[in-house]
Amino acid sequence: MNQEDLQTEEGVSRILPDTVVQAKMEAVKPVYLAGTVEGDVCCKSLLVIDPGGRVQGDVICESLMLEGRVEGNVEAGHAVLAAGAEITGVLLAGRLEIAAGAKIGLGLKFRNVKNK
């Protein structure tokens, strides 16, 4: 499933531009975030944060595609950071793909991931 699919796929939670959610968010299925979440986000699937998307809190997810901003720490099994991505805290990841221009504020840590 790619980013374009998430914008229209059934069963995907979408937070659209100009939407602000003030709460801790938990999701089992994929989430597409183009707005703002003021609180922690826990996603047991794929979390896509659009270039205009922002999380003001910590993020824990299975997979992350980040083009926007996380103002907190991130823990992900697999993280993909685009050129405009920004994490102000620490990134803990099992696997990482990072483009030139992405920013990680307080550091990067890797964890062991068992191959399936």
N, C-alpha and C. Protein backbone atom coordinates (compact mmCIF):
# COMPACT_ATOMS: atom_id res chain seq x y z
N MET A 1 0.85 -1.18 0.00
CA MET A 1 0.00 0.00 0.00
C MET A 1 0.89 1.24 0.00
N ASN A 2 0.67 2.12 -0.96
CA ASN A 2 1.48 3.33 -1.01
C ASN A 2 0.68 4.53 -0.49
N GLN A 3 1.32 5.68 -0.46
CA GLN A 3 0.70 6.87 0.12
C GLN A 3 -0.57 7.28 -0.61
N GLU A 4 -0.58 7.18 -1.92
CA GLU A 4 -1.77 7.54 -2.69
C GLU A 4 -2.94 6.63 -2.35
N ASP A 5 -2.66 5.34 -2.15
CA ASP A 5 -3.71 4.39 -1.77
C ASP A 5 -4.34 4.77 -0.43
N LEU A 6 -3.52 5.23 0.51
CA LEU A 6 -4.03 5.57 1.83
C LEU A 6 -5.01 6.72 1.80
N GLN A 7 -4.89 7.60 0.82
CA GLN A 7 -5.78 8.74 0.74
C GLN A 7 -7.20 8.33 0.35
N THR A 8 -7.36 7.16 -0.27
CA THR A 8 -8.68 6.74 -0.74
C THR A 8 -9.09 5.35 -0.26
N GLU A 9 -8.17 4.58 0.28
CA GLU A 9 -8.42 3.19 0.69
C GLU A 9 -9.49 3.12 1.78
N GLU A 10 -10.37 2.14 1.67
CA GLU A 10 -11.38 1.90 2.69
C GLU A 10 -10.72 1.33 3.94
N GLY A 11 -11.19 1.69 5.11
CA GLY A 11 -10.63 1.18 6.36
C GLY A 11 -9.43 1.96 6.87
N VAL A 12 -9.07 3.03 6.19
CA VAL A 12 -7.95 3.88 6.61
C VAL A 12 -8.51 5.10 7.33
N SER A 13 -7.98 5.40 8.50
CA SER A 13 -8.37 6.62 9.20
C SER A 13 -7.64 7.79 8.57
N ARG A 14 -8.36 8.87 8.30
CA ARG A 14 -7.77 10.04 7.67
C ARG A 14 -8.01 11.28 8.53
N ILE A 15 -6.95 12.01 8.78
CA ILE A 15 -7.06 13.30 9.44
C ILE A 15 -6.62 14.32 8.40
N LEU A 16 -7.56 15.06 7.92
CA LEU A 16 -7.36 15.93 6.76
C LEU A 16 -6.74 17.27 7.15
N PRO A 17 -6.21 18.01 6.16
CA PRO A 17 -5.64 19.33 6.44
C PRO A 17 -6.67 20.21 7.15
N ASP A 18 -6.20 21.11 7.97
CA ASP A 18 -7.04 22.04 8.74
C ASP A 18 -7.83 21.35 9.85
N THR A 19 -7.55 20.06 10.11
CA THR A 19 -8.19 19.34 11.21
C THR A 19 -7.19 19.22 12.34
N VAL A 20 -7.64 19.54 13.58
CA VAL A 20 -6.80 19.41 14.76
C VAL A 20 -7.49 18.45 15.72
N VAL A 21 -6.79 17.39 16.10
CA VAL A 21 -7.29 16.42 17.07
C VAL A 21 -6.51 16.62 18.35
N GLN A 22 -7.24 16.87 19.46
CA GLN A 22 -6.60 17.09 20.75
C GLN A 22 -6.90 15.90 21.64
N ALA A 23 -6.11 14.83 21.48
CA ALA A 23 -6.33 13.61 22.24
C ALA A 23 -5.21 12.62 21.97
N LYS A 24 -5.10 11.62 22.83
CA LYS A 24 -4.22 10.50 22.54
C LYS A 24 -4.93 9.66 21.50
N MET A 25 -4.23 9.29 20.44
CA MET A 25 -4.86 8.56 19.35
C MET A 25 -4.29 7.15 19.27
N GLU A 26 -5.18 6.15 19.18
CA GLU A 26 -4.78 4.76 19.01
C GLU A 26 -5.50 4.19 17.81
N ALA A 27 -4.76 3.46 16.95
CA ALA A 27 -5.36 2.88 15.75
C ALA A 27 -4.77 1.50 15.50
N VAL A 28 -5.62 0.62 14.98
CA VAL A 28 -5.18 -0.73 14.60
C VAL A 28 -4.88 -0.77 13.11
N LYS A 29 -5.66 -0.03 12.33
CA LYS A 29 -5.49 0.00 10.88
C LYS A 29 -4.68 1.23 10.47
N PRO A 30 -4.28 1.32 9.20
CA PRO A 30 -3.46 2.44 8.74
C PRO A 30 -4.10 3.81 8.99
N VAL A 31 -3.23 4.80 9.18
CA VAL A 31 -3.67 6.18 9.41
C VAL A 31 -2.94 7.09 8.43
N TYR A 32 -3.70 7.99 7.80
CA TYR A 32 -3.15 9.02 6.92
C TYR A 32 -3.38 10.35 7.61
N LEU A 33 -2.30 11.06 7.94
CA LEU A 33 -2.39 12.29 8.71
C LEU A 33 -1.89 13.47 7.89
N ALA A 34 -2.82 14.37 7.55
CA ALA A 34 -2.46 15.59 6.84
C ALA A 34 -2.74 16.81 7.71
N GLY A 35 -3.39 16.59 8.85
CA GLY A 35 -3.69 17.66 9.79
C GLY A 35 -2.76 17.60 10.99
N THR A 36 -3.29 17.93 12.18
CA THR A 36 -2.48 17.98 13.40
C THR A 36 -3.10 17.13 14.48
N VAL A 37 -2.26 16.36 15.18
CA VAL A 37 -2.68 15.65 16.39
C VAL A 37 -1.89 16.24 17.54
N GLU A 38 -2.62 16.76 18.54
CA GLU A 38 -2.01 17.29 19.75
C GLU A 38 -2.15 16.22 20.82
N GLY A 39 -1.20 15.30 20.85
CA GLY A 39 -1.22 14.16 21.76
C GLY A 39 -0.43 13.02 21.15
N ASP A 40 -0.23 11.97 21.93
CA ASP A 40 0.53 10.81 21.46
C ASP A 40 -0.27 10.01 20.44
N VAL A 41 0.45 9.34 19.53
CA VAL A 41 -0.17 8.50 18.50
C VAL A 41 0.42 7.10 18.59
N CYS A 42 -0.46 6.10 18.69
CA CYS A 42 -0.05 4.70 18.69
C CYS A 42 -0.79 4.01 17.55
N CYS A 43 -0.06 3.47 16.59
CA CYS A 43 -0.67 2.84 15.42
C CYS A 43 -0.04 1.46 15.22
N LYS A 44 -0.86 0.43 15.25
CA LYS A 44 -0.36 -0.94 15.11
C LYS A 44 -0.16 -1.33 13.65
N SER A 45 -0.22 -0.35 12.77
CA SER A 45 -0.07 -0.58 11.34
C SER A 45 0.80 0.54 10.77
N LEU A 46 0.46 0.99 9.58
CA LEU A 46 1.20 2.04 8.89
C LEU A 46 0.65 3.42 9.25
N LEU A 47 1.54 4.33 9.59
CA LEU A 47 1.19 5.72 9.84
C LEU A 47 1.91 6.57 8.79
N VAL A 48 1.12 7.30 8.00
CA VAL A 48 1.68 8.21 7.00
C VAL A 48 1.41 9.63 7.47
N ILE A 49 2.47 10.42 7.60
CA ILE A 49 2.33 11.82 7.97
C ILE A 49 2.74 12.65 6.76
N ASP A 50 1.75 13.28 6.17
CA ASP A 50 1.85 14.10 4.97
C ASP A 50 2.77 15.31 5.22
N PRO A 51 3.27 15.96 4.17
CA PRO A 51 4.12 17.14 4.37
C PRO A 51 3.49 18.21 5.26
N GLY A 52 2.18 18.36 5.24
CA GLY A 52 1.51 19.34 6.09
C GLY A 52 1.06 18.77 7.43
N GLY A 53 1.31 17.49 7.66
CA GLY A 53 0.88 16.82 8.88
C GLY A 53 1.84 17.05 10.03
N ARG A 54 1.28 17.02 11.25
CA ARG A 54 2.10 17.27 12.43
C ARG A 54 1.55 16.52 13.63
N VAL A 55 2.45 15.94 14.42
CA VAL A 55 2.09 15.32 15.70
C VAL A 55 2.84 16.07 16.79
N GLN A 56 2.09 16.56 17.77
CA GLN A 56 2.69 17.21 18.93
C GLN A 56 2.60 16.21 20.08
N GLY A 57 3.52 15.26 20.09
CA GLY A 57 3.53 14.18 21.07
C GLY A 57 4.40 13.06 20.54
N ASP A 58 4.44 11.96 21.27
CA ASP A 58 5.24 10.81 20.87
C ASP A 58 4.47 9.92 19.91
N VAL A 59 5.21 9.21 19.06
CA VAL A 59 4.62 8.30 18.07
C VAL A 59 5.20 6.91 18.27
N ILE A 60 4.32 5.90 18.34
CA ILE A 60 4.72 4.50 18.34
C ILE A 60 3.92 3.84 17.24
N CYS A 61 4.61 3.20 16.28
CA CYS A 61 3.90 2.55 15.19
C CYS A 61 4.72 1.41 14.60
N GLU A 62 4.03 0.55 13.88
CA GLU A 62 4.70 -0.55 13.20
C GLU A 62 5.54 -0.02 12.04
N SER A 63 4.93 0.82 11.20
CA SER A 63 5.62 1.41 10.05
C SER A 63 5.28 2.89 9.97
N LEU A 64 6.26 3.70 9.60
CA LEU A 64 6.07 5.14 9.51
C LEU A 64 6.61 5.65 8.18
N MET A 65 5.79 6.44 7.49
CA MET A 65 6.23 7.20 6.32
C MET A 65 6.07 8.67 6.71
N LEU A 66 7.17 9.35 6.94
CA LEU A 66 7.12 10.71 7.47
C LEU A 66 7.62 11.72 6.44
N GLU A 67 6.73 12.66 6.10
CA GLU A 67 7.10 13.80 5.28
C GLU A 67 6.88 15.09 6.06
N GLY A 68 6.13 15.01 7.16
CA GLY A 68 5.80 16.16 7.97
C GLY A 68 6.68 16.26 9.20
N ARG A 69 6.06 16.57 10.35
CA ARG A 69 6.82 16.88 11.57
C ARG A 69 6.24 16.13 12.77
N VAL A 70 7.14 15.57 13.59
CA VAL A 70 6.77 14.99 14.88
C VAL A 70 7.52 15.77 15.94
N GLU A 71 6.77 16.40 16.84
CA GLU A 71 7.36 17.16 17.93
C GLU A 71 7.36 16.26 19.16
N GLY A 72 8.29 15.31 19.16
CA GLY A 72 8.39 14.31 20.22
C GLY A 72 9.28 13.18 19.76
N ASN A 73 9.21 12.05 20.46
CA ASN A 73 10.00 10.87 20.14
C ASN A 73 9.21 9.95 19.23
N VAL A 74 9.92 9.12 18.46
CA VAL A 74 9.29 8.16 17.55
C VAL A 74 9.90 6.79 17.78
N GLU A 75 9.03 5.78 17.86
CA GLU A 75 9.45 4.38 17.90
C GLU A 75 8.71 3.66 16.78
N ALA A 76 9.46 3.08 15.83
CA ALA A 76 8.84 2.42 14.68
C ALA A 76 9.63 1.18 14.30
N GLY A 77 8.91 0.15 13.88
CA GLY A 77 9.57 -1.04 13.37
C GLY A 77 10.32 -0.73 12.08
N HIS A 78 9.68 0.06 11.22
CA HIS A 78 10.27 0.48 9.95
C HIS A 78 9.91 1.94 9.74
N ALA A 79 10.89 2.79 9.54
CA ALA A 79 10.64 4.21 9.34
C ALA A 79 11.23 4.67 8.02
N VAL A 80 10.43 5.44 7.27
CA VAL A 80 10.88 6.06 6.03
C VAL A 80 10.73 7.56 6.21
N LEU A 81 11.84 8.28 6.17
CA LEU A 81 11.83 9.73 6.34
C LEU A 81 12.17 10.40 5.02
N ALA A 82 11.25 11.22 4.54
CA ALA A 82 11.44 11.97 3.30
C ALA A 82 12.30 13.20 3.57
N ALA A 83 12.67 13.90 2.51
CA ALA A 83 13.57 15.05 2.61
C ALA A 83 13.07 16.13 3.56
N GLY A 84 11.77 16.36 3.64
CA GLY A 84 11.24 17.41 4.49
C GLY A 84 10.83 16.95 5.88
N ALA A 85 11.07 15.69 6.21
CA ALA A 85 10.65 15.12 7.49
C ALA A 85 11.45 15.72 8.64
N GLU A 86 10.77 15.86 9.80
CA GLU A 86 11.46 16.36 10.99
C GLU A 86 10.93 15.69 12.24
N ILE A 87 11.85 15.20 13.06
CA ILE A 87 11.54 14.64 14.37
C ILE A 87 12.35 15.45 15.37
N THR A 88 11.68 16.06 16.36
CA THR A 88 12.42 16.89 17.31
C THR A 88 13.07 16.07 18.41
N GLY A 89 12.59 14.86 18.64
CA GLY A 89 13.13 14.01 19.69
C GLY A 89 14.04 12.93 19.16
N VAL A 90 13.96 11.76 19.80
CA VAL A 90 14.78 10.59 19.45
C VAL A 90 13.98 9.67 18.54
N LEU A 91 14.63 9.09 17.55
CA LEU A 91 14.03 8.07 16.69
C LEU A 91 14.62 6.72 17.05
N LEU A 92 13.76 5.77 17.43
CA LEU A 92 14.14 4.38 17.68
C LEU A 92 13.49 3.55 16.59
N ALA A 93 14.30 2.89 15.77
CA ALA A 93 13.76 2.15 14.64
C ALA A 93 14.47 0.82 14.46
N GLY A 94 13.72 -0.15 13.93
CA GLY A 94 14.31 -1.43 13.56
C GLY A 94 14.97 -1.34 12.21
N ARG A 95 14.30 -0.67 11.28
CA ARG A 95 14.82 -0.43 9.93
C ARG A 95 14.56 1.03 9.59
N LEU A 96 15.46 1.63 8.82
CA LEU A 96 15.34 3.05 8.52
C LEU A 96 15.74 3.34 7.08
N GLU A 97 14.91 4.13 6.41
CA GLU A 97 15.24 4.70 5.11
C GLU A 97 15.13 6.21 5.29
N ILE A 98 16.20 6.93 4.97
CA ILE A 98 16.19 8.36 5.23
C ILE A 98 16.75 9.12 4.03
N ALA A 99 16.03 10.16 3.63
CA ALA A 99 16.45 10.99 2.50
C ALA A 99 17.28 12.16 3.00
N ALA A 100 18.14 12.65 2.14
CA ALA A 100 18.92 13.85 2.47
C ALA A 100 17.96 14.99 2.77
N GLY A 101 18.21 15.70 3.85
CA GLY A 101 17.36 16.82 4.23
C GLY A 101 16.42 16.51 5.37
N ALA A 102 16.22 15.24 5.70
CA ALA A 102 15.40 14.87 6.85
C ALA A 102 16.16 15.24 8.12
N LYS A 103 15.42 15.59 9.19
CA LYS A 103 16.06 16.04 10.43
C LYS A 103 15.59 15.19 11.61
N ILE A 104 16.55 14.79 12.44
CA ILE A 104 16.26 14.08 13.69
C ILE A 104 16.96 14.87 14.78
N GLY A 105 16.17 15.45 15.69
CA GLY A 105 16.70 16.40 16.66
C GLY A 105 17.62 15.84 17.72
N LEU A 106 17.20 14.81 18.45
CA LEU A 106 17.96 14.37 19.62
C LEU A 106 18.70 13.06 19.43
N GLY A 107 18.62 12.45 18.27
CA GLY A 107 19.42 11.26 18.05
C GLY A 107 18.64 10.11 17.46
N LEU A 108 19.40 9.09 17.11
CA LEU A 108 18.88 7.91 16.43
C LEU A 108 19.37 6.68 17.15
N LYS A 109 18.47 5.72 17.40
CA LYS A 109 18.83 4.44 18.00
C LYS A 109 18.21 3.34 17.16
N PHE A 110 18.94 2.25 17.03
CA PHE A 110 18.41 1.09 16.30
C PHE A 110 18.11 -0.02 17.28
N ARG A 111 17.11 -0.81 16.96
CA ARG A 111 16.81 -1.98 17.77
C ARG A 111 16.90 -3.20 16.87
N ASN A 112 17.17 -4.35 17.46
CA ASN A 112 17.24 -5.59 16.70
C ASN A 112 15.86 -6.01 16.26
N VAL A 113 15.77 -6.42 15.00
CA VAL A 113 14.51 -6.90 14.45
C VAL A 113 14.75 -8.31 13.95
N LYS A 114 13.91 -9.25 14.39
CA LYS A 114 14.03 -10.63 13.94
C LYS A 114 13.44 -10.76 12.55
N ASN A 115 14.15 -11.41 11.66
CA ASN A 115 13.63 -11.65 10.31
C ASN A 115 12.58 -12.73 10.36
N LYS A 116 11.51 -12.53 9.61
CA LYS A 116 10.41 -13.50 9.58
C LYS A 116 10.55 -14.40 8.40
